[in-house]
Amino acid sequence: MPQAKSAARPNHDAPKQDAPLTIRDLLSYRISRTANAMSRSAALRYQQFGVTLQEWRTIALLAAESPQALNQLARSAGLDKAQMSRAIASLVERGLVLRKDSEAGGRSIDLTLSRRGEALYKDLITAAAERDEAFRACLSGEEQRVLDAALGKLHAVARALSHATAPAVGASGGRRRSVED
């Protein structure tokens, strides 16, 4: 197993040059742990508004672009279709999301926010902006620019690696898509 260059790990947690690589040294593990911690704190914050993290993301995505189909929302949110379907069912039941037959026809359903959903979104996005500012406050302007650029590059490489290693055809015979596409 190749050793990572010490220059690639300038923090104090980096192993000594001769120490074996562990999971804690992997960039994907460190990013995942950070993302999970951020998601847990978001989930606790959004509970005050009566929504789960998945529901918040669904509401936010619908606020950004409507109408959307379930499959499109699931891909954008990084959820599978069943998870998104449960989130939508809950939001529809509470009158926050509206369902209607798609103008494109077929069996597709268009999803949009109701007026209540739009009002809730305004409160949620304010809370999200406050959380985002708290995270950004610990970074200098230059660190924020570097982080944004690095995240863009890492996302592109992750997608490329996902496409390169994913089977070309799924079990149903159809082309598989990444959840993040």
Protein backbone atom coordinates (compact mmCIF):
# COMPACT_ATOMS: atom_id res chain seq x y z
CA MET A 1 0.00 0.00 0.00
CA PRO A 2 1.54 3.34 -1.00
CA GLN A 3 2.35 5.88 1.65
CA ALA A 4 0.90 9.36 1.26
CA LYS A 5 3.41 12.16 1.03
CA SER A 6 3.82 14.08 4.25
CA ALA A 7 3.40 17.34 2.28
CA ALA A 8 -0.12 16.18 1.42
CA ARG A 9 -0.93 16.01 5.15
CA PRO A 10 0.36 19.20 6.72
CA ASN A 11 -1.73 18.86 9.90
CA HIS A 12 -0.60 17.59 13.26
CA ASP A 13 -2.66 14.40 12.86
CA ALA A 14 -0.53 13.20 9.95
CA PRO A 15 1.30 9.94 10.65
CA LYS A 16 5.06 9.84 10.68
CA GLN A 17 6.60 8.99 7.32
CA ASP A 18 7.25 5.37 8.37
CA ALA A 19 3.88 4.83 10.08
CA PRO A 20 1.35 2.67 8.21
CA LEU A 21 -1.58 4.43 6.58
CA THR A 22 -4.85 4.05 8.50
CA ILE A 23 -8.43 4.93 7.71
CA ARG A 24 -8.08 8.08 9.82
CA ASP A 25 -5.47 9.32 7.31
CA LEU A 26 -7.78 9.00 4.31
CA LEU A 27 -9.15 12.26 2.98
CA SER A 28 -12.52 10.70 2.16
CA TYR A 29 -12.87 9.46 5.76
CA ARG A 30 -12.00 12.87 7.22
CA ILE A 31 -14.43 14.67 4.90
CA SER A 32 -17.15 12.12 5.63
CA ARG A 33 -16.72 12.55 9.40
CA THR A 34 -16.87 16.33 9.04
CA ALA A 35 -19.94 16.14 6.79
CA ASN A 36 -21.66 13.76 9.22
CA ALA A 37 -20.97 16.09 12.17
CA MET A 38 -22.32 19.03 10.19
CA SER A 39 -25.41 17.04 9.19
CA ARG A 40 -26.08 15.97 12.79
CA SER A 41 -25.96 19.59 13.97
CA ALA A 42 -28.24 20.60 11.08
CA ALA A 43 -30.73 17.86 11.94
CA LEU A 44 -30.89 19.10 15.52
CA ARG A 45 -31.40 22.70 14.37
CA TYR A 46 -34.13 21.85 11.86
CA GLN A 47 -36.03 19.74 14.41
CA GLN A 48 -37.07 23.09 15.90
CA PHE A 49 -38.98 23.69 12.67
CA GLY A 50 -40.56 20.23 12.69
CA VAL A 51 -38.62 18.85 9.72
CA THR A 52 -35.98 16.20 9.26
CA LEU A 53 -32.72 16.85 7.45
CA GLN A 54 -34.05 15.00 4.37
CA GLU A 55 -37.22 17.09 4.45
CA TRP A 56 -35.20 20.31 4.76
CA ARG A 57 -33.10 19.38 1.75
CA THR A 58 -36.23 18.51 -0.23
CA ILE A 59 -37.87 21.82 0.66
CA ALA A 60 -34.71 23.74 -0.22
CA LEU A 61 -34.32 21.98 -3.56
CA LEU A 62 -37.94 22.67 -4.46
CA ALA A 63 -37.51 26.31 -3.45
CA ALA A 64 -34.50 26.54 -5.79
CA GLU A 65 -36.26 24.91 -8.74
CA SER A 66 -39.89 23.91 -9.21
CA PRO A 67 -41.58 21.88 -10.38
CA GLN A 68 -39.41 18.81 -10.07
CA ALA A 69 -40.03 15.11 -10.44
CA LEU A 70 -39.24 12.68 -7.63
CA ASN A 71 -36.27 11.11 -9.45
CA GLN A 72 -34.72 14.50 -10.13
CA LEU A 73 -35.11 15.52 -6.48
CA ALA A 74 -33.64 12.25 -5.25
CA ARG A 75 -30.53 12.67 -7.43
CA SER A 76 -30.08 16.30 -6.37
CA ALA A 77 -30.44 15.44 -2.67
CA GLY A 78 -28.18 12.37 -2.85
CA LEU A 79 -31.01 10.10 -1.70
CA ASP A 80 -32.41 6.97 -3.25
CA LYS A 81 -35.92 7.08 -4.71
CA ALA A 82 -37.50 5.29 -1.73
CA GLN A 83 -36.00 7.74 0.80
CA MET A 84 -37.15 10.70 -1.27
CA SER A 85 -40.60 9.17 -1.68
CA ARG A 86 -40.99 8.92 2.12
CA ALA A 87 -39.84 12.53 2.60
CA ILE A 88 -42.28 13.74 -0.08
CA ALA A 89 -45.17 11.73 1.38
CA SER A 90 -44.60 13.33 4.79
CA LEU A 91 -44.34 16.84 3.32
CA VAL A 92 -47.48 16.35 1.19
CA GLU A 93 -49.40 15.03 4.20
CA ARG A 94 -48.48 18.16 6.16
CA GLY A 95 -49.46 20.46 3.32
CA LEU A 96 -45.93 21.71 2.61
CA VAL A 97 -45.55 20.16 -0.85
CA LEU A 98 -48.09 19.90 -3.65
CA ARG A 99 -48.27 17.04 -6.16
CA LYS A 100 -49.83 17.31 -9.59
CA ASP A 101 -49.69 15.37 -12.82
CA SER A 102 -46.75 16.43 -14.92
CA GLU A 103 -47.41 18.69 -17.86
CA ALA A 104 -45.06 16.39 -19.79
CA GLY A 105 -47.63 13.62 -19.42
CA GLY A 106 -47.04 10.00 -18.59
CA ARG A 107 -46.97 8.80 -15.01
CA SER A 108 -44.65 11.56 -13.84
CA ILE A 109 -45.72 13.81 -10.97
CA ASP A 110 -44.56 17.39 -10.58
CA LEU A 111 -43.71 18.53 -7.06
CA THR A 112 -43.79 22.12 -5.84
CA LEU A 113 -43.89 23.92 -2.51
CA SER A 114 -47.23 25.06 -1.18
CA ARG A 115 -47.60 28.54 0.30
CA ARG A 116 -47.02 27.00 3.74
CA GLY A 117 -43.94 25.24 2.38
CA GLU A 118 -42.61 28.51 0.95
CA ALA A 119 -43.13 30.28 4.28
CA LEU A 120 -41.36 27.47 6.14
CA TYR A 121 -38.52 27.59 3.62
CA LYS A 122 -37.91 31.27 4.42
CA ASP A 123 -37.44 30.40 8.10
CA LEU A 124 -35.31 27.36 7.31
CA ILE A 125 -33.00 29.16 4.89
CA THR A 126 -32.44 31.88 7.49
CA ALA A 127 -31.39 29.22 10.02
CA ALA A 128 -29.23 27.52 7.36
CA ALA A 129 -27.50 30.81 6.53
CA GLU A 130 -26.75 31.37 10.23
CA ARG A 131 -25.21 27.89 10.47
CA ASP A 132 -23.25 28.43 7.27
CA GLU A 133 -21.87 31.72 8.60
CA ALA A 134 -20.79 29.98 11.83
CA PHE A 135 -18.81 27.43 9.78
CA ARG A 136 -17.30 30.07 7.51
CA ALA A 137 -16.38 32.33 10.45
CA CYS A 138 -13.54 30.01 11.45
CA LEU A 139 -11.95 30.39 8.01
CA SER A 140 -10.15 33.37 6.53
CA GLY A 141 -11.32 34.68 3.17
CA GLU A 142 -8.42 32.93 1.46
CA GLU A 143 -9.20 29.65 3.26
CA GLN A 144 -12.82 29.91 2.10
CA ARG A 145 -11.73 30.42 -1.53
CA VAL A 146 -9.29 27.50 -1.31
CA LEU A 147 -11.92 25.27 0.32
CA ASP A 148 -14.52 26.09 -2.35
CA ALA A 149 -12.03 25.35 -5.14
CA ALA A 150 -10.83 22.15 -3.44
CA LEU A 151 -14.36 20.87 -2.89
CA GLY A 152 -15.18 21.46 -6.55
CA LYS A 153 -12.10 19.53 -7.65
CA LEU A 154 -12.71 16.68 -5.19
CA HIS A 155 -16.34 16.38 -6.30
CA ALA A 156 -15.29 16.19 -9.95
CA VAL A 157 -12.71 13.47 -9.23
CA ALA A 158 -15.20 11.54 -7.06
CA ARG A 159 -17.78 11.58 -9.87
CA ALA A 160 -15.18 10.52 -12.42
CA LEU A 161 -14.00 7.65 -10.21
CA SER A 162 -17.60 6.63 -9.55
CA HIS A 163 -18.37 6.50 -13.26
CA ALA A 164 -15.12 4.66 -14.01
CA THR A 165 -15.79 1.91 -11.46
CA ALA A 166 -19.59 1.60 -11.67
CA PRO A 167 -21.04 -1.22 -13.75
CA ALA A 168 -22.20 0.11 -17.11
CA VAL A 169 -25.55 -1.69 -16.94
CA GLY A 170 -27.75 -2.19 -13.88
CA ALA A 171 -29.67 -5.36 -12.97
CA SER A 172 -32.75 -4.14 -14.85
CA GLY A 173 -30.70 -3.80 -18.04
CA GLY A 174 -30.85 -0.01 -17.93
CA ARG A 175 -27.93 2.35 -17.62
CA ARG A 176 -27.04 3.03 -13.96
CA ARG A 177 -26.76 6.61 -12.79
CA SER A 178 -24.85 7.94 -9.85
CA VAL A 179 -27.04 9.28 -7.05
CA GLU A 180 -25.08 12.55 -7.26
CA ASP A 181 -25.52 13.19 -11.00
